[in-house]
Structure formats: C-alpha cells, structure tokens
Protein backbone atom coordinates (compact mmCIF):
# COMPACT_ATOMS: atom_id res chain seq x y z
CA MET A 1 100.58 44.68 139.98
CA THR A 2 102.77 41.47 141.28
CA LYS A 3 101.86 38.70 139.79
CA GLU A 4 99.87 36.15 141.59
CA PHE A 5 99.59 32.44 141.38
CA VAL A 6 96.10 30.90 140.68
CA PHE A 7 95.82 27.16 141.37
CA GLY A 8 93.55 24.24 142.70
CA HIS A 9 94.06 21.66 145.45
CA GLN A 10 96.95 19.04 145.98
CA ASN A 11 96.97 15.65 143.40
CA PRO A 12 94.68 17.94 141.18
CA ASP A 13 91.58 16.86 139.10
CA THR A 14 90.32 18.41 135.66
CA ASP A 15 88.69 20.85 138.06
CA ALA A 16 91.83 21.81 139.99
CA ILE A 17 93.66 22.34 136.66
CA GLY A 18 90.86 23.49 134.35
CA THR A 19 89.18 25.84 136.45
CA ALA A 20 93.04 27.35 137.55
CA ILE A 21 93.82 28.06 133.94
CA ALA A 22 90.14 29.50 132.91
CA TYR A 23 90.17 31.41 136.30
CA SER A 24 93.68 33.10 135.71
CA TYR A 25 92.39 33.85 132.06
CA LEU A 26 89.11 36.15 133.08
CA GLN A 27 91.44 37.82 135.87
CA ASN A 28 93.93 38.57 133.34
CA LYS A 29 91.09 40.28 131.32
CA LEU A 30 89.92 42.02 134.52
CA GLY A 31 93.26 43.62 134.60
CA TYR A 32 95.58 41.71 137.18
CA ASP A 33 98.45 39.54 136.40
CA THR A 34 98.10 36.02 137.39
CA GLU A 35 99.60 32.72 136.28
CA ALA A 36 97.57 29.34 136.34
CA VAL A 37 100.19 26.99 138.10
CA ALA A 38 99.48 23.23 139.60
CA LEU A 39 100.07 21.40 142.51
CA GLY A 40 100.71 18.16 140.81
CA GLU A 41 101.21 16.61 137.37
CA PRO A 42 97.81 16.32 135.48
CA ASN A 43 96.32 13.07 135.47
CA ASP A 44 95.44 10.81 132.49
CA GLU A 45 91.60 12.04 131.98
CA THR A 46 92.90 15.96 132.54
CA GLN A 47 95.66 15.30 129.98
CA TYR A 48 92.96 14.02 127.48
CA ALA A 49 91.19 17.37 127.90
CA LEU A 50 94.35 19.50 127.86
CA ASP A 51 95.65 17.72 124.88
CA LYS A 52 91.88 17.86 122.98
CA PHE A 53 91.85 21.66 123.48
CA GLY A 54 95.02 22.72 122.79
CA PHE A 55 96.54 23.22 126.47
CA LYS A 56 99.93 22.68 128.00
CA ALA A 57 99.74 21.40 131.51
CA PRO A 58 100.58 24.57 134.20
CA GLN A 59 104.25 24.68 135.55
CA VAL A 60 103.78 22.48 139.07
CA ILE A 61 104.96 24.11 142.23
CA GLU A 62 105.91 22.81 145.72
CA THR A 63 106.25 26.08 147.49
CA ALA A 64 104.63 29.54 146.63
CA ALA A 65 105.97 32.33 148.67
CA ASP A 66 109.50 31.99 147.19
CA LYS A 67 107.99 32.95 143.94
CA VAL A 68 105.15 35.34 144.83
CA ASP A 69 103.41 37.01 147.63
CA SER A 70 100.02 36.45 146.77
CA VAL A 71 97.47 33.64 145.47
CA MET A 72 94.36 32.80 144.38
CA LEU A 73 92.31 29.52 145.25
CA VAL A 74 89.96 27.42 143.03
CA ASP A 75 88.66 24.25 143.90
CA HIS A 76 89.85 24.15 147.10
CA ASN A 77 89.90 26.19 150.58
CA GLU A 78 91.23 23.87 153.51
CA PRO A 79 95.08 24.52 154.04
CA GLN A 80 95.82 20.72 154.58
CA GLN A 81 94.71 20.27 150.71
CA SER A 82 96.71 23.09 149.27
CA VAL A 83 100.20 24.45 148.74
CA SER A 84 102.45 23.37 151.50
CA ASP A 85 103.57 27.27 152.42
CA ILE A 86 100.05 28.42 151.96
CA ASP A 87 100.23 30.42 155.50
CA LYS A 88 103.18 32.23 153.96
CA VAL A 89 101.18 33.74 151.12
CA LYS A 90 98.38 36.51 151.14
CA VAL A 91 95.49 34.73 149.52
CA SER A 92 93.46 37.47 147.48
CA HIS A 93 90.60 35.53 145.79
CA VAL A 94 88.85 31.95 146.30
CA VAL A 95 86.39 30.40 144.16
CA ASP A 96 85.23 27.13 145.63
CA HIS A 97 81.98 24.48 145.63
CA HIS A 98 83.23 22.92 149.22
CA ARG A 99 82.89 23.12 152.40
CA ILE A 100 84.49 25.75 154.22
CA MET A 101 86.97 24.64 157.08
CA ASN A 102 90.01 25.72 158.83
CA PHE A 103 90.06 28.68 156.70
CA ASN A 104 91.19 32.04 157.72
CA THR A 105 93.08 35.14 156.38
CA ALA A 106 94.69 38.59 158.04
CA ASP A 107 92.99 40.65 155.15
CA PRO A 108 89.90 40.97 153.46
CA LEU A 109 89.77 39.03 150.46
CA TYR A 110 87.35 37.79 147.31
CA TYR A 111 85.43 34.56 148.27
CA ARG A 112 82.96 33.31 146.12
CA ALA A 113 81.52 29.90 147.33
CA GLU A 114 78.72 28.01 145.35
CA PRO A 115 76.70 24.27 146.15
CA VAL A 116 77.12 23.55 142.52
CA GLY A 117 78.56 20.71 140.75
CA CYS A 118 81.87 22.17 139.63
CA THR A 119 83.72 25.14 140.35
CA SER A 120 84.24 25.99 136.62
CA THR A 121 80.12 26.52 136.45
CA ILE A 122 80.67 29.39 138.95
CA VAL A 123 83.56 30.80 136.87
CA TRP A 124 81.09 30.29 133.85
CA LYS A 125 79.19 32.44 135.64
CA MET A 126 81.40 35.14 136.04
CA PHE A 127 82.49 35.12 132.48
CA GLY A 128 79.06 36.30 132.19
CA GLU A 129 78.81 39.14 134.50
CA TYR A 130 81.73 40.53 133.99
CA GLU A 131 80.96 40.37 130.05
CA VAL A 132 84.06 38.55 129.36
CA GLU A 133 84.21 36.24 126.10
CA ILE A 134 85.13 32.43 126.95
CA PRO A 135 87.55 31.62 123.46
CA LYS A 136 86.60 28.11 122.06
CA ASN A 137 89.30 25.92 123.37
CA LEU A 138 88.77 27.43 126.86
CA ALA A 139 85.23 26.58 126.64
CA GLY A 140 85.99 22.88 126.13
CA LEU A 141 88.24 23.00 129.18
CA MET A 142 85.70 24.33 131.32
CA LEU A 143 83.47 21.81 129.78
CA SER A 144 85.60 19.21 130.84
CA ALA A 145 85.88 20.47 134.10
CA ILE A 146 82.15 20.00 134.81
CA ILE A 147 81.79 16.66 133.10
CA SER A 148 84.62 15.63 135.10
CA ASP A 149 83.08 16.77 138.62
CA THR A 150 79.21 15.41 137.72
CA LEU A 151 80.31 12.25 136.18
CA LEU A 152 78.67 13.63 132.62
CA LEU A 153 75.78 14.97 135.05
CA LYS A 154 75.03 11.95 136.63
CA SER A 155 76.31 12.81 140.03
CA PRO A 156 73.77 14.02 142.65
CA THR A 157 76.10 17.25 143.08
CA THR A 158 74.60 18.13 139.63
CA THR A 159 72.77 21.40 139.77
CA ASP A 160 70.44 23.25 136.96
CA ASP A 161 73.55 25.61 136.82
CA ASP A 162 76.00 22.73 135.62
CA LYS A 163 73.71 21.24 133.33
CA GLU A 164 73.05 24.93 131.66
CA ALA A 165 76.73 25.46 131.87
CA VAL A 166 77.55 22.65 130.30
CA LYS A 167 74.98 23.31 127.29
CA ALA A 168 76.48 26.62 126.94
CA LEU A 169 80.18 25.78 127.24
CA ALA A 170 79.38 22.70 124.38
CA LYS A 171 78.03 25.01 121.74
CA ILE A 172 80.84 27.39 122.22
CA ALA A 173 83.26 24.76 122.06
CA ASP A 174 81.37 23.21 119.35
CA VAL A 175 81.37 19.55 120.64
CA ASP A 176 78.92 16.65 121.42
CA TYR A 177 79.38 16.87 124.91
CA GLN A 178 77.56 13.47 125.88
CA GLU A 179 79.55 11.57 123.22
CA TYR A 180 83.13 13.55 124.10
CA GLY A 181 82.34 13.45 128.05
CA LEU A 182 82.26 9.81 128.07
CA ALA A 183 85.20 9.31 126.33
CA MET A 184 87.18 11.69 128.60
CA LEU A 185 85.95 10.01 131.76
CA LYS A 186 87.19 6.56 130.08
CA ALA A 187 90.50 8.04 129.54
CA GLY A 188 90.35 7.98 133.13
CA THR A 189 90.00 5.19 134.20
CA ASN A 190 93.16 3.22 132.61
CA ILE A 191 94.59 1.94 136.13
CA ALA A 192 96.30 -1.05 134.45
CA ASP A 193 99.59 0.45 134.14
CA LYS A 194 99.88 2.39 137.63
CA SER A 195 100.80 0.83 140.89
CA GLU A 196 98.76 0.60 143.85
CA GLU A 197 100.86 3.24 145.29
CA GLU A 198 100.06 6.01 142.75
CA LEU A 199 96.47 5.05 142.57
CA ILE A 200 95.98 5.85 146.18
CA ASP A 201 97.20 9.24 145.69
CA LEU A 202 95.74 10.32 142.61
CA ASP A 203 92.85 11.55 143.61
CA ALA A 204 92.80 11.77 147.16
CA LYS A 205 92.27 14.42 149.91
CA SER A 206 92.91 14.72 153.31
CA PHE A 207 90.29 16.10 156.12
CA ASP A 208 90.26 17.02 159.65
CA LEU A 209 87.37 15.15 161.19
CA ALA A 210 86.98 15.81 164.77
CA GLY A 211 90.60 15.66 165.36
CA ASN A 212 91.06 12.71 163.25
CA ASN A 213 93.41 13.26 159.77
CA VAL A 214 90.95 11.33 157.74
CA ARG A 215 92.51 10.21 153.91
CA VAL A 216 89.53 9.59 151.42
CA ALA A 217 91.07 8.68 147.89
CA GLN A 218 88.75 8.06 144.60
CA ILE A 219 89.36 5.76 141.55
CA ASN A 220 87.38 5.62 138.40
CA VAL A 221 86.84 2.60 136.57
CA VAL A 222 84.49 0.71 134.10
CA ASP A 223 85.81 -2.69 135.53
CA LEU A 224 85.34 -2.86 138.80
CA PRO A 225 85.86 -6.68 139.65
CA GLU A 226 89.08 -6.43 137.75
CA ALA A 227 90.07 -3.14 139.78
CA LEU A 228 88.81 -5.56 143.35
CA GLU A 229 91.43 -8.32 141.91
CA ARG A 230 94.07 -6.08 143.59
CA LYS A 231 92.40 -5.13 146.46
CA ASP A 232 95.27 -7.23 149.19
CA ALA A 233 97.88 -4.66 147.53
CA PHE A 234 95.56 -1.53 147.76
CA LEU A 235 95.27 -2.33 151.65
CA LYS A 236 98.99 -3.03 151.87
CA VAL A 237 99.87 0.39 150.66
CA MET A 238 96.85 2.51 152.74
CA GLU A 239 98.38 0.71 155.67
CA GLU A 240 102.09 1.80 154.79
CA SER A 241 100.52 5.40 154.02
CA SER A 242 98.60 5.57 156.99
CA LYS A 243 101.64 5.02 159.18
CA SER A 244 103.89 7.15 157.12
CA ASN A 245 101.42 10.26 156.85
CA GLY A 246 99.67 9.89 160.03
CA TYR A 247 96.00 9.15 159.05
CA ASP A 248 93.87 7.86 161.42
CA MET A 249 91.79 6.19 158.68
CA PHE A 250 92.14 6.27 155.07
CA MET A 251 89.29 5.45 152.67
CA LEU A 252 89.54 4.63 149.08
CA LEU A 253 86.26 5.08 146.89
CA ILE A 254 86.63 3.06 143.62
CA THR A 255 83.42 4.08 141.59
CA ASN A 256 81.67 2.46 138.45
CA ILE A 257 81.30 5.35 136.15
CA LEU A 258 79.31 3.09 134.16
CA ASP A 259 76.59 2.39 136.37
CA SER A 260 77.53 4.92 139.25
CA ASP A 261 78.13 2.20 141.92
CA SER A 262 81.07 2.01 144.12
CA GLU A 263 83.03 0.05 146.60
CA ALA A 264 85.05 1.07 149.58
CA LEU A 265 88.42 -0.25 151.06
CA VAL A 266 89.05 0.82 154.57
CA VAL A 267 92.08 0.99 157.03
CA GLY A 268 92.18 2.22 160.66
CA SER A 269 91.58 1.73 164.11
CA ASP A 270 88.34 -0.39 165.09
CA GLU A 271 86.78 2.61 166.47
CA ASN A 272 87.26 4.66 163.16
CA LYS A 273 86.07 1.69 161.06
CA ALA A 274 83.04 1.84 163.58
CA LYS A 275 82.45 5.11 162.97
CA PHE A 276 82.82 4.63 159.17
CA GLU A 277 80.14 1.57 159.24
CA ALA A 278 77.57 4.15 161.12
CA ALA A 279 78.28 6.78 158.64
CA PHE A 280 77.20 4.22 155.92
CA ASN A 281 74.73 2.16 157.51
CA ALA A 282 77.20 -0.77 156.36
CA LYS A 283 79.05 -3.14 157.75
CA LEU A 284 82.56 -3.81 156.46
CA SER A 285 83.43 -7.28 155.83
CA GLU A 286 87.55 -7.66 155.12
CA ASN A 287 87.78 -4.12 155.19
CA GLU A 288 85.58 -3.73 151.86
CA VAL A 289 81.75 -2.70 151.72
CA LYS A 290 79.60 -2.01 148.46
CA LEU A 291 78.29 1.39 148.26
CA PRO A 292 75.20 1.24 145.90
CA GLY A 293 74.76 5.35 144.29
CA VAL A 294 77.80 7.07 145.87
CA VAL A 295 79.82 8.76 143.45
CA SER A 296 80.37 12.00 145.20
CA ARG A 297 83.30 12.40 147.95
CA LYS A 298 81.81 15.75 148.76
CA LYS A 299 78.50 15.32 148.98
CA GLN A 300 77.90 11.38 149.70
CA VAL A 301 81.08 10.81 151.78
CA VAL A 302 82.46 13.45 153.54
CA PRO A 303 79.53 14.57 155.12
CA PRO A 304 77.92 11.37 156.68
CA LEU A 305 81.70 10.84 157.90
CA THR A 306 81.75 14.30 159.60
CA GLU A 307 78.55 14.03 161.28
CA SER A 308 79.62 10.15 162.53
CA PHE A 309 82.58 11.15 163.48
CA GLU A 310 81.54 14.48 165.06
CA GLY A 311 78.27 12.40 166.75
C-alpha cells in the first residue's frame, strides 16, 4: 500500500492540523500508510497546543501529486481551499463539518460529514466506533481543536457531541479544559507583532458565491479597540490583496473571544457591499460594521452571504 497524505485546508487552524494528525494516527491503526502534512505553518494558537502536548508541526507541502498518488482530506472539501494540485491526485477519504461545494471525484470514496462544531469531534467518534484507544497526548491535541473551533464551547456551532467529546478527551488528556482552553485561545490573540498582511491571511478562506470570489478572513483578539486602531492599514492591504488575487469582496471578521462579539471590515464593489449589508441587515459605515454575537464564519457568516449573493 502506497503512502497517502492527510491534510486540512490552506492557512491551517488548530482543527486542520490537529485533526490531520489524529486522523492519520487512526488510519494507520486501521492498516493504511499515511502521513499528516499541512498546507501552511501553524499559527500561534496551534503551536501552543502542539508544544503543550509534545507534537512537532507537520511537514508543510505546496503540492501533493509529485509526492503521493492519493490523499485524505480533513476539515475541508472545496478545491480552492485545498492543495494547489488537488485535481492531480485521488481523494480517497474526506472527513469534514463544512458545506459541500464544487467537490467531485472520478472514483468512489469514503466521505463523512456531520454538522458539528469541529472535525475532531467526528474523528473522536470514529476512534470509538473502531475501538481504537486514543493516546493521552493525541487526546489533548484533539481537545485543542474542538476548543478552538467552538471558542471553548461558546460558538453557536457547538453541539452536544462537541461537549461530550471535550469532556471525554479532557479526561484522557488529564487537563482542566476550561483553564487550558482559555490559555490556548489567548495564545492565538497576540496580533501586535504581526503585520496586517500576515493577519488577513492567517485564517482566511475563499468562497465561490454565485460566481463571485469572496474572501473571508478572521482574527481573534481580547482587545477589539486596539485591533481597530489598525483599521486603515487593514483596509489598505485588503484592497491590495483583492486586486492581486481577484477577490470580488474581502471581509475581515475581528472577533473578541471574551465577549463573543465581532467587528467586520469589508472592501469590494458598491454592489457587493450592498449584498453584504443585506446578508447581515446592517449598514456599513466607512467599510466597518458591528456584528454582535457573530463568531462563526461557517454558521453565521457564509450562509447569510451565500443567500444574499445567490438571491
């Protein structure tokens, strides 16, 4: 059996990297030959989790077809979010918790998607279904992924399955998930030493909305006013990135993890900004708008944008 790569989306977060490592471990236990890799370097939050539980960051790849014939995807399925040559390799497995869009394969495959808060929650279930024991350090990494994606179970994407998984994994990892989770989330909020260019690409995904290339980036902070002092600089690099990459609209969601509120910055044509305003029933003022209670790109941002653009 030839080796397969397991990886999450571009600009990987803790779920993309942590779940790739966990799913690769599970698949190897089931008889596959896999290696967890990544489509980018870990962010500060993810590195905190890797260090805490004794993992090295996975190898970063830019292409896959020159190294393997087949891959397994976690935490994504949309081609524009995947490895650049995804069309040149066979996708044998997908485990995801996002919408399914522009995804097709020539061959049958294993595909598992559930509307839970984190892909690691699905993989946690799979360990139980296959009766494979989860090592202590891996449990900690999977726990980190769920805490990250659900903002310590505060996100509206959180399900009972996520809560059950967090309690079970915290017990295996022997950590207080509340105390550890807050420390991990705070580790990912240090934006002072990063440029605006870095920040808008740190956790960003592109979506095809009715033929429009819409970029949605998100950064987590504990001091929203301090982050907004950089508003003009953010807007400038968002405009530049849109021109360079052909984005029809670029949205930056700045989320305060302590009170679960966000502020959005938006650049694009007047027509597309109007679609944004319709999606959130909110008026932009100098490219900015408050979005109280909005913390989830997957559940609270992409669905209303999709409806507005396709309506």
